Amino acid sequence: LSGGRKEGEEEEGEKGGREEGKKKGKGKRKGKRKEGKKKKMAYVKGGRIALIGAGHLGSSVVKGLLHPTPLLPYSDLFLTKRRPNSLSSYLSSLPITVTSDH
């Protein structure tokens, strides 16, 4: 070890700038939701959504758009996948347009 330090000793400033005794922690929580206020649901009106790539991530996006209440009609949702026959069972059970043409 250089500088004549013993094993386990640290020089000043090696602790990342924290003083001894202070712990890294979370501050007070800001932005608490007031009681009685409900979240307003958004709805896509007059728009269409196309997802290029209906793999794991695309499936999760579709589930988020349609569950628990659909945010858009099924006819306004389009998915593309290289091999449409390999869709997840969840997506294949829905009346959604799926194509292999990007």
N, C-alpha and C. Protein backbone atom coordinates (compact mmCIF):
# COMPACT_ATOMS: atom_id res chain seq x y z
N LEU A 1 0.84 -1.18 0.00
CA LEU A 1 0.00 0.00 0.00
C LEU A 1 0.88 1.23 0.00
N SER A 2 0.46 2.23 -0.73
CA SER A 2 1.27 3.43 -0.83
C SER A 2 0.86 4.45 0.22
N GLY A 3 1.78 5.38 0.53
CA GLY A 3 1.47 6.47 1.44
C GLY A 3 1.48 6.08 2.90
N GLY A 4 1.93 4.90 3.24
CA GLY A 4 2.04 4.49 4.62
C GLY A 4 0.69 4.17 5.26
N ARG A 5 -0.34 3.97 4.45
CA ARG A 5 -1.64 3.63 5.03
C ARG A 5 -1.69 2.15 5.35
N LYS A 6 -2.44 1.84 6.37
CA LYS A 6 -2.66 0.44 6.72
C LYS A 6 -3.84 -0.07 5.94
N GLU A 7 -3.93 -1.35 5.87
CA GLU A 7 -5.04 -1.96 5.14
C GLU A 7 -6.36 -1.60 5.81
N GLY A 8 -7.35 -1.16 5.02
CA GLY A 8 -8.65 -0.79 5.54
C GLY A 8 -8.81 0.69 5.81
N GLU A 9 -7.67 1.45 5.85
CA GLU A 9 -7.76 2.88 6.06
C GLU A 9 -7.99 3.56 4.72
N GLU A 10 -8.71 4.67 4.76
CA GLU A 10 -8.98 5.42 3.54
C GLU A 10 -8.51 6.85 3.73
N GLU A 11 -8.09 7.45 2.64
CA GLU A 11 -7.72 8.86 2.69
C GLU A 11 -8.98 9.69 2.68
N GLU A 12 -8.83 10.96 3.07
CA GLU A 12 -9.96 11.88 3.07
C GLU A 12 -10.47 12.04 1.64
N GLY A 13 -11.76 11.97 1.46
CA GLY A 13 -12.35 12.15 0.14
C GLY A 13 -12.56 10.86 -0.63
N GLU A 14 -12.12 9.74 -0.11
CA GLU A 14 -12.29 8.48 -0.80
C GLU A 14 -13.66 7.86 -0.60
N LYS A 15 -14.46 8.42 0.27
CA LYS A 15 -15.77 7.85 0.57
C LYS A 15 -16.85 8.42 -0.34
N GLY A 16 -16.47 9.10 -1.39
CA GLY A 16 -17.47 9.63 -2.29
C GLY A 16 -18.05 10.95 -1.82
N GLY A 17 -17.37 11.67 -0.92
CA GLY A 17 -17.83 12.98 -0.50
C GLY A 17 -18.76 12.97 0.70
N ARG A 18 -19.14 11.82 1.20
CA ARG A 18 -20.03 11.78 2.36
C ARG A 18 -19.23 11.88 3.64
N GLU A 19 -19.75 12.64 4.56
CA GLU A 19 -19.09 12.73 5.85
C GLU A 19 -19.43 11.50 6.67
N GLU A 20 -18.56 11.21 7.64
CA GLU A 20 -18.83 10.07 8.50
C GLU A 20 -20.09 10.31 9.31
N GLY A 21 -20.86 9.28 9.49
CA GLY A 21 -22.07 9.39 10.29
C GLY A 21 -23.31 9.68 9.45
N LYS A 22 -23.13 10.28 8.26
CA LYS A 22 -24.27 10.56 7.41
C LYS A 22 -24.53 9.35 6.52
N LYS A 23 -25.76 8.96 6.46
CA LYS A 23 -26.12 7.82 5.63
C LYS A 23 -26.83 8.29 4.39
N LYS A 24 -26.62 7.57 3.33
CA LYS A 24 -27.32 7.87 2.09
C LYS A 24 -28.75 7.35 2.23
N GLY A 25 -29.69 8.21 2.08
CA GLY A 25 -31.08 7.80 2.22
C GLY A 25 -31.99 8.64 1.38
N LYS A 26 -33.23 8.27 1.40
CA LYS A 26 -34.22 8.98 0.62
C LYS A 26 -34.75 10.15 1.44
N GLY A 27 -35.04 11.23 0.75
CA GLY A 27 -35.61 12.39 1.41
C GLY A 27 -37.11 12.20 1.58
N LYS A 28 -37.77 13.27 1.97
CA LYS A 28 -39.21 13.19 2.12
C LYS A 28 -39.85 13.02 0.76
N ARG A 29 -40.91 12.31 0.74
CA ARG A 29 -41.61 12.03 -0.51
C ARG A 29 -42.43 13.25 -0.92
N LYS A 30 -42.25 13.65 -2.15
CA LYS A 30 -43.00 14.79 -2.67
C LYS A 30 -44.12 14.30 -3.57
N GLY A 31 -45.12 15.12 -3.73
CA GLY A 31 -46.18 14.82 -4.68
C GLY A 31 -47.13 13.71 -4.25
N LYS A 32 -47.48 13.66 -2.99
CA LYS A 32 -48.41 12.64 -2.53
C LYS A 32 -49.78 12.89 -3.13
N ARG A 33 -50.46 11.83 -3.50
CA ARG A 33 -51.78 11.95 -4.07
C ARG A 33 -52.78 12.24 -2.97
N LYS A 34 -53.67 13.20 -3.22
CA LYS A 34 -54.69 13.54 -2.24
C LYS A 34 -55.75 12.48 -2.23
N GLU A 35 -56.31 12.25 -1.06
CA GLU A 35 -57.37 11.27 -0.90
C GLU A 35 -58.59 11.70 -1.69
N GLY A 36 -59.26 10.72 -2.28
CA GLY A 36 -60.51 11.00 -2.98
C GLY A 36 -60.34 11.34 -4.45
N LYS A 37 -59.13 11.64 -4.91
CA LYS A 37 -58.91 11.94 -6.32
C LYS A 37 -58.65 10.65 -7.07
N LYS A 38 -59.36 10.49 -8.19
CA LYS A 38 -59.16 9.31 -9.01
C LYS A 38 -58.38 9.68 -10.25
N LYS A 39 -57.64 8.71 -10.77
CA LYS A 39 -56.93 8.92 -12.01
C LYS A 39 -57.92 8.96 -13.15
N LYS A 40 -57.70 9.87 -14.08
CA LYS A 40 -58.54 9.91 -15.26
C LYS A 40 -57.91 9.00 -16.32
N MET A 41 -58.73 8.20 -16.95
CA MET A 41 -58.25 7.31 -17.99
C MET A 41 -58.16 8.06 -19.31
N ALA A 42 -57.09 7.86 -20.02
CA ALA A 42 -56.94 8.45 -21.34
C ALA A 42 -57.56 7.52 -22.37
N TYR A 43 -57.99 8.08 -23.45
CA TYR A 43 -58.55 7.28 -24.52
C TYR A 43 -58.05 7.85 -25.83
N VAL A 44 -57.54 7.00 -26.70
CA VAL A 44 -57.04 7.44 -27.99
C VAL A 44 -58.26 7.60 -28.89
N LYS A 45 -58.53 8.84 -29.29
CA LYS A 45 -59.72 9.11 -30.09
C LYS A 45 -59.31 9.49 -31.50
N GLY A 46 -59.84 8.74 -32.45
CA GLY A 46 -59.59 9.07 -33.85
C GLY A 46 -58.17 8.79 -34.31
N GLY A 47 -57.40 8.02 -33.57
CA GLY A 47 -56.03 7.73 -33.96
C GLY A 47 -55.81 6.25 -34.09
N ARG A 48 -54.78 5.90 -34.82
CA ARG A 48 -54.40 4.50 -34.97
C ARG A 48 -53.00 4.31 -34.45
N ILE A 49 -52.75 3.12 -33.94
CA ILE A 49 -51.42 2.80 -33.42
C ILE A 49 -50.91 1.58 -34.15
N ALA A 50 -49.68 1.67 -34.65
CA ALA A 50 -49.02 0.54 -35.29
C ALA A 50 -47.73 0.25 -34.53
N LEU A 51 -47.53 -1.01 -34.18
CA LEU A 51 -46.32 -1.44 -33.49
C LEU A 51 -45.51 -2.30 -34.44
N ILE A 52 -44.29 -1.88 -34.70
CA ILE A 52 -43.41 -2.66 -35.54
C ILE A 52 -42.63 -3.58 -34.62
N GLY A 53 -42.93 -4.84 -34.71
CA GLY A 53 -42.29 -5.82 -33.84
C GLY A 53 -43.20 -6.19 -32.70
N ALA A 54 -43.85 -7.31 -32.83
CA ALA A 54 -44.80 -7.76 -31.81
C ALA A 54 -44.20 -8.89 -30.99
N GLY A 55 -42.97 -8.70 -30.54
CA GLY A 55 -42.33 -9.69 -29.68
C GLY A 55 -42.73 -9.47 -28.24
N HIS A 56 -41.79 -9.67 -27.32
CA HIS A 56 -42.08 -9.52 -25.90
C HIS A 56 -42.44 -8.08 -25.56
N LEU A 57 -41.66 -7.14 -26.05
CA LEU A 57 -41.91 -5.74 -25.73
C LEU A 57 -43.20 -5.25 -26.38
N GLY A 58 -43.41 -5.58 -27.65
CA GLY A 58 -44.64 -5.19 -28.33
C GLY A 58 -45.87 -5.78 -27.67
N SER A 59 -45.79 -7.03 -27.23
CA SER A 59 -46.91 -7.67 -26.54
C SER A 59 -47.23 -6.95 -25.24
N SER A 60 -46.20 -6.53 -24.53
CA SER A 60 -46.41 -5.80 -23.28
C SER A 60 -47.08 -4.46 -23.53
N VAL A 61 -46.70 -3.78 -24.60
CA VAL A 61 -47.32 -2.50 -24.94
C VAL A 61 -48.80 -2.71 -25.26
N VAL A 62 -49.10 -3.76 -26.04
CA VAL A 62 -50.49 -4.05 -26.40
C VAL A 62 -51.30 -4.37 -25.15
N LYS A 63 -50.75 -5.17 -24.26
CA LYS A 63 -51.46 -5.50 -23.02
C LYS A 63 -51.73 -4.24 -22.20
N GLY A 64 -50.78 -3.32 -22.18
CA GLY A 64 -50.97 -2.07 -21.46
C GLY A 64 -52.05 -1.20 -22.08
N LEU A 65 -52.17 -1.24 -23.39
CA LEU A 65 -53.19 -0.45 -24.08
C LEU A 65 -54.58 -1.05 -23.93
N LEU A 66 -54.66 -2.36 -23.76
CA LEU A 66 -55.95 -3.02 -23.78
C LEU A 66 -56.44 -3.53 -22.43
N HIS A 67 -55.59 -3.53 -21.42
CA HIS A 67 -55.99 -4.09 -20.13
C HIS A 67 -55.87 -3.05 -19.04
N PRO A 68 -56.74 -2.86 -18.15
CA PRO A 68 -58.00 -3.56 -17.91
C PRO A 68 -59.14 -3.06 -18.79
N THR A 69 -59.07 -1.81 -19.24
CA THR A 69 -60.07 -1.32 -20.18
C THR A 69 -59.36 -0.84 -21.44
N PRO A 70 -59.86 -1.21 -22.60
CA PRO A 70 -59.19 -0.81 -23.85
C PRO A 70 -59.16 0.71 -24.03
N LEU A 71 -57.99 1.23 -24.40
CA LEU A 71 -57.84 2.65 -24.65
C LEU A 71 -58.13 3.02 -26.10
N LEU A 72 -58.33 2.02 -26.95
CA LEU A 72 -58.67 2.25 -28.34
C LEU A 72 -59.36 1.01 -28.87
N PRO A 73 -60.13 1.17 -29.94
CA PRO A 73 -60.79 0.00 -30.52
C PRO A 73 -59.76 -0.96 -31.12
N TYR A 74 -60.08 -2.23 -31.12
CA TYR A 74 -59.17 -3.24 -31.70
C TYR A 74 -58.87 -2.94 -33.17
N SER A 75 -59.83 -2.37 -33.88
CA SER A 75 -59.64 -2.10 -35.32
C SER A 75 -58.61 -1.00 -35.57
N ASP A 76 -58.24 -0.22 -34.55
CA ASP A 76 -57.26 0.85 -34.72
C ASP A 76 -55.86 0.44 -34.27
N LEU A 77 -55.66 -0.84 -34.01
CA LEU A 77 -54.37 -1.33 -33.56
C LEU A 77 -53.80 -2.28 -34.60
N PHE A 78 -52.58 -2.01 -35.05
CA PHE A 78 -51.92 -2.81 -36.07
C PHE A 78 -50.56 -3.27 -35.56
N LEU A 79 -50.25 -4.54 -35.80
CA LEU A 79 -48.98 -5.11 -35.37
C LEU A 79 -48.26 -5.70 -36.57
N THR A 80 -46.93 -5.60 -36.54
CA THR A 80 -46.13 -6.29 -37.55
C THR A 80 -45.19 -7.25 -36.85
N LYS A 81 -44.94 -8.37 -37.50
CA LYS A 81 -44.05 -9.39 -36.96
C LYS A 81 -43.49 -10.17 -38.14
N ARG A 82 -42.21 -10.50 -38.09
CA ARG A 82 -41.60 -11.25 -39.20
C ARG A 82 -42.32 -12.56 -39.45
N ARG A 83 -42.63 -13.26 -38.38
CA ARG A 83 -43.37 -14.53 -38.49
C ARG A 83 -44.66 -14.43 -37.70
N PRO A 84 -45.74 -13.97 -38.33
CA PRO A 84 -47.00 -13.77 -37.61
C PRO A 84 -47.55 -15.05 -36.97
N ASN A 85 -47.17 -16.20 -37.51
CA ASN A 85 -47.66 -17.46 -36.93
C ASN A 85 -47.03 -17.76 -35.57
N SER A 86 -46.00 -17.02 -35.18
CA SER A 86 -45.36 -17.24 -33.88
C SER A 86 -45.81 -16.22 -32.83
N LEU A 87 -46.99 -15.64 -33.00
CA LEU A 87 -47.53 -14.69 -32.03
C LEU A 87 -47.83 -15.40 -30.71
N SER A 88 -47.78 -14.63 -29.63
CA SER A 88 -48.14 -15.22 -28.34
C SER A 88 -49.62 -15.58 -28.35
N SER A 89 -50.01 -16.49 -27.50
CA SER A 89 -51.40 -16.94 -27.48
C SER A 89 -52.34 -15.80 -27.10
N TYR A 90 -51.86 -14.87 -26.28
CA TYR A 90 -52.68 -13.73 -25.90
C TYR A 90 -53.01 -12.86 -27.12
N LEU A 91 -51.98 -12.52 -27.90
CA LEU A 91 -52.20 -11.66 -29.06
C LEU A 91 -52.99 -12.36 -30.16
N SER A 92 -52.75 -13.65 -30.33
CA SER A 92 -53.46 -14.36 -31.40
C SER A 92 -54.95 -14.53 -31.09
N SER A 93 -55.33 -14.40 -29.83
CA SER A 93 -56.73 -14.53 -29.46
C SER A 93 -57.51 -13.22 -29.64
N LEU A 94 -56.81 -12.11 -29.89
CA LEU A 94 -57.46 -10.82 -30.03
C LEU A 94 -57.73 -10.51 -31.51
N PRO A 95 -58.81 -9.76 -31.78
CA PRO A 95 -59.12 -9.38 -33.17
C PRO A 95 -58.29 -8.17 -33.62
N ILE A 96 -56.98 -8.34 -33.70
CA ILE A 96 -56.05 -7.27 -34.07
C ILE A 96 -55.44 -7.62 -35.42
N THR A 97 -55.24 -6.62 -36.26
CA THR A 97 -54.60 -6.82 -37.56
C THR A 97 -53.11 -7.06 -37.37
N VAL A 98 -52.63 -8.21 -37.85
CA VAL A 98 -51.21 -8.55 -37.75
C VAL A 98 -50.71 -8.87 -39.14
N THR A 99 -49.57 -8.30 -39.50
CA THR A 99 -48.99 -8.51 -40.81
C THR A 99 -47.49 -8.74 -40.69
N SER A 100 -46.89 -9.31 -41.72
CA SER A 100 -45.44 -9.50 -41.73
C SER A 100 -44.74 -8.41 -42.55
N ASP A 101 -45.52 -7.54 -43.18
CA ASP A 101 -44.97 -6.47 -44.01
C ASP A 101 -44.77 -5.22 -43.16
N HIS A 102 -43.51 -4.77 -43.05
CA HIS A 102 -43.23 -3.57 -42.26
C HIS A 102 -43.55 -2.36 -43.11
